[in-house]
């Protein structure tokens, strides 16, 4: 019985020893087999382009723009809109605003009354206007005041001077503003 116990103890130690020897060999051979299975790699280039974005919008048109005080005598300076301009080009952080109008900078009447000429200007938001230009010559460079997203709010003003009260009627014009990246 003692020989049997010695044999079992010897067998047990032998199995542990064989396990310790064979385990690293099994790991080595399985990694070699994986290497022999063949592998390959590839790369995929990805890219995209963001074009230059230059925009102008009029999110806030002043109510007075459709009810101008045309019968008031003297010089009138009126804020007619708040404009949002956007430029996403960090290499050219300036935008020029140009203007044109249907009636070349005059409020015209459909019934043949004399037109009422006006001048325009664009100022930084909530800044008092001072330099007005004829709409046909208007050019307003915007070089500062843009936020981190490239947006800026500016105000559009018109100026007209009434020496006499105009003839009764409806007077109108359409102003078109264009922005360009400098």
Protein backbone atom coordinates (compact mmCIF):
# COMPACT_ATOMS: atom_id res chain seq x y z
CA UNK A 1 0.00 0.00 0.00
CA UNK A 2 2.91 2.25 0.71
CA UNK A 3 4.27 1.62 -2.78
CA UNK A 4 0.89 2.51 -4.18
CA UNK A 5 0.86 5.83 -2.24
CA UNK A 6 4.41 6.56 -3.44
CA UNK A 7 3.38 5.79 -6.99
CA UNK A 8 0.41 8.13 -6.77
CA UNK A 9 2.55 10.88 -5.23
CA UNK A 10 5.17 10.36 -7.94
CA UNK A 11 2.48 10.41 -10.65
CA UNK A 12 0.98 13.57 -9.19
CA UNK A 13 4.38 15.34 -9.16
CA UNK A 14 5.11 14.04 -12.64
CA UNK A 15 1.87 15.44 -13.99
CA UNK A 16 2.50 18.84 -12.40
CA UNK A 17 6.04 18.87 -13.82
CA UNK A 18 4.81 17.87 -17.28
CA UNK A 19 2.12 20.60 -17.07
CA UNK A 20 4.72 23.22 -16.18
CA UNK A 21 6.87 22.18 -19.11
CA UNK A 22 4.13 21.75 -21.68
CA UNK A 23 2.13 24.92 -20.88
CA UNK A 24 4.76 27.40 -22.18
CA UNK A 25 5.41 25.11 -25.16
CA UNK A 26 1.69 25.08 -26.01
CA UNK A 27 1.56 28.88 -25.81
CA UNK A 28 4.68 29.19 -27.98
CA UNK A 29 3.38 26.81 -30.65
CA UNK A 30 -0.07 28.37 -30.79
CA UNK A 31 1.44 31.83 -31.34
CA UNK A 32 3.69 30.39 -34.05
CA UNK A 33 0.70 28.79 -35.73
CA UNK A 34 -1.12 32.14 -35.73
CA UNK A 35 1.92 33.76 -37.33
CA UNK A 36 1.99 31.05 -39.95
CA UNK A 37 -1.71 31.71 -40.71
CA UNK A 38 -0.71 35.00 -42.45
CA UNK A 39 -1.76 38.53 -41.64
CA UNK A 40 -1.85 41.77 -43.55
CA UNK A 41 -2.74 45.38 -42.80
CA UNK A 42 -4.08 48.25 -44.81
CA UNK A 43 -4.66 51.93 -44.16
CA UNK A 44 -7.62 54.06 -45.13
CA UNK A 45 -7.12 57.78 -45.56
CA UNK A 46 -10.13 59.86 -44.63
CA UNK A 47 -10.55 63.58 -45.18
CA UNK A 48 -13.08 66.28 -45.93
CA UNK A 49 -13.22 69.92 -46.90
CA UNK A 50 -15.19 72.72 -45.32
CA UNK A 51 -15.79 75.43 -47.91
CA UNK A 52 -15.65 79.12 -47.10
CA UNK A 53 -18.95 80.28 -45.65
CA UNK A 54 -19.89 83.94 -45.82
CA UNK A 55 -23.47 84.74 -44.91
CA UNK A 56 -25.71 87.67 -44.10
CA UNK A 57 -29.22 87.52 -42.70
CA UNK A 58 -31.70 89.89 -41.16
CA UNK A 59 -33.12 88.03 -38.18
CA UNK A 60 -34.54 91.27 -36.76
CA UNK A 61 -36.24 93.84 -38.99
CA UNK A 62 -37.37 96.85 -37.04
CA UNK A 63 -41.14 97.49 -37.16
CA UNK A 64 -40.43 101.08 -38.21
CA UNK A 65 -38.90 99.82 -41.49
CA UNK A 66 -42.44 99.32 -42.83
CA UNK A 67 -43.79 102.53 -41.28
CA UNK A 68 -41.12 105.17 -41.88
CA UNK A 69 -41.98 108.65 -40.55
CA UNK A 70 -41.93 110.24 -44.02
CA UNK A 71 -44.12 113.19 -43.10
CA UNK A 72 -41.68 114.42 -40.42
CA UNK A 73 -39.64 117.41 -41.46
CA UNK A 74 -35.87 117.55 -41.06
CA UNK A 75 -33.24 114.86 -40.92
CA UNK A 76 -34.36 111.39 -39.87
CA UNK A 77 -31.93 108.64 -38.80
CA UNK A 78 -33.66 105.29 -38.39
CA UNK A 79 -32.40 101.84 -37.51
CA UNK A 80 -34.20 99.52 -39.92
CA UNK A 81 -32.58 96.13 -39.20
CA UNK A 82 -30.15 94.09 -37.16
CA UNK A 83 -27.98 91.93 -39.39
CA UNK A 84 -26.12 88.74 -38.61
CA UNK A 85 -22.94 88.22 -40.64
CA UNK A 86 -20.91 85.02 -40.57
CA UNK A 87 -17.43 84.20 -41.82
CA UNK A 88 -15.78 80.82 -41.12
CA UNK A 89 -12.42 81.70 -42.74
CA UNK A 90 -9.82 82.23 -39.99
CA UNK A 91 -7.26 83.34 -42.61
CA UNK A 92 -9.50 86.20 -43.72
CA UNK A 93 -11.41 87.47 -40.70
CA UNK A 94 -13.01 90.34 -42.60
CA UNK A 95 -16.16 90.71 -44.63
CA UNK A 96 -17.28 93.57 -46.85
CA UNK A 97 -20.95 94.47 -46.98
CA UNK A 98 -22.15 96.07 -50.23
CA UNK A 99 -25.63 97.33 -51.02
CA UNK A 100 -27.96 98.02 -53.89
CA UNK A 101 -31.63 98.85 -54.15
CA UNK A 102 -34.46 98.56 -56.60
CA UNK A 103 -34.80 102.37 -56.85
CA UNK A 104 -31.10 103.29 -56.50
CA UNK A 105 -31.42 104.55 -52.94
CA UNK A 106 -34.74 106.36 -53.14
CA UNK A 107 -38.16 105.70 -51.70
CA UNK A 108 -40.42 105.85 -54.75
CA UNK A 109 -44.16 106.27 -55.06
CA UNK A 110 -46.25 104.21 -57.46
CA UNK A 111 -48.40 107.24 -58.32
CA UNK A 112 -45.58 109.38 -59.74
CA UNK A 113 -44.75 111.52 -56.72
CA UNK A 114 -41.21 112.76 -56.29
CA UNK A 115 -38.89 110.15 -54.79
CA UNK A 116 -37.38 110.54 -51.35
CA UNK A 117 -33.62 109.86 -51.51
CA UNK A 118 -31.93 108.21 -48.56
CA UNK A 119 -28.44 107.23 -47.42
CA UNK A 120 -27.41 104.10 -45.50
CA UNK A 121 -24.77 102.93 -43.05
CA UNK A 122 -23.89 99.82 -41.09
CA UNK A 123 -22.55 100.10 -37.55
CA UNK A 124 -21.36 97.67 -34.92
CA UNK A 125 -24.38 96.48 -32.95
CA UNK A 126 -25.81 99.20 -30.69
CA UNK A 127 -23.34 101.82 -31.90
CA UNK A 128 -24.50 105.27 -32.99
CA UNK A 129 -24.29 105.86 -36.75
CA UNK A 130 -22.29 108.74 -38.15
CA UNK A 131 -21.08 108.16 -41.72
CA UNK A 132 -23.85 107.61 -44.27
CA UNK A 133 -23.28 106.79 -47.94
CA UNK A 134 -25.29 106.71 -51.11
CA UNK A 135 -26.44 103.13 -51.61
CA UNK A 136 -24.76 102.92 -55.03
CA UNK A 137 -21.34 103.64 -53.47
CA UNK A 138 -21.88 101.78 -50.22
CA UNK A 139 -19.13 99.45 -49.01
CA UNK A 140 -18.66 98.59 -45.35
CA UNK A 141 -15.62 96.48 -44.36
CA UNK A 142 -16.18 94.49 -41.16
CA UNK A 143 -12.79 93.50 -39.75
CA UNK A 144 -13.34 93.04 -36.02
CA UNK A 145 -15.93 92.05 -33.47
CA UNK A 146 -16.53 88.51 -34.73
CA UNK A 147 -17.13 85.92 -32.00
CA UNK A 148 -15.38 82.52 -31.81
CA UNK A 149 -17.90 81.03 -34.26
CA UNK A 150 -17.17 83.78 -36.80
CA UNK A 151 -20.47 85.62 -36.28
CA UNK A 152 -21.10 89.31 -35.73
CA UNK A 153 -24.23 91.41 -35.30
CA UNK A 154 -24.38 94.81 -37.01
CA UNK A 155 -27.12 97.42 -37.38
CA UNK A 156 -28.43 98.91 -40.64
CA UNK A 157 -29.54 102.55 -40.59
CA UNK A 158 -31.07 104.86 -43.17
CA UNK A 159 -30.99 108.64 -43.21
CA UNK A 160 -33.24 110.98 -45.17
CA UNK A 161 -33.86 114.71 -44.95
CA UNK A 162 -37.31 116.18 -45.57
CA UNK A 163 -37.33 119.90 -46.36
CA UNK A 164 -41.05 119.71 -47.14
CA UNK A 165 -43.77 117.20 -46.49
CA UNK A 166 -43.97 114.84 -49.49
CA UNK A 167 -47.17 114.29 -51.45
CA UNK A 168 -49.59 111.71 -50.09
CA UNK A 169 -48.93 108.13 -51.12
CA UNK A 170 -47.06 104.95 -50.36
CA UNK A 171 -43.29 105.09 -50.86
CA UNK A 172 -41.01 102.07 -50.91
CA UNK A 173 -37.74 100.55 -51.98
CA UNK A 174 -36.03 97.18 -51.57
CA UNK A 175 -32.48 97.10 -50.22
CA UNK A 176 -30.26 94.15 -51.12
CA UNK A 177 -27.16 93.54 -49.04
CA UNK A 178 -24.31 91.36 -50.27
CA UNK A 179 -21.34 90.10 -48.25
CA UNK A 180 -18.00 88.94 -49.57
CA UNK A 181 -14.94 87.43 -47.95
CA UNK A 182 -11.96 89.75 -48.32
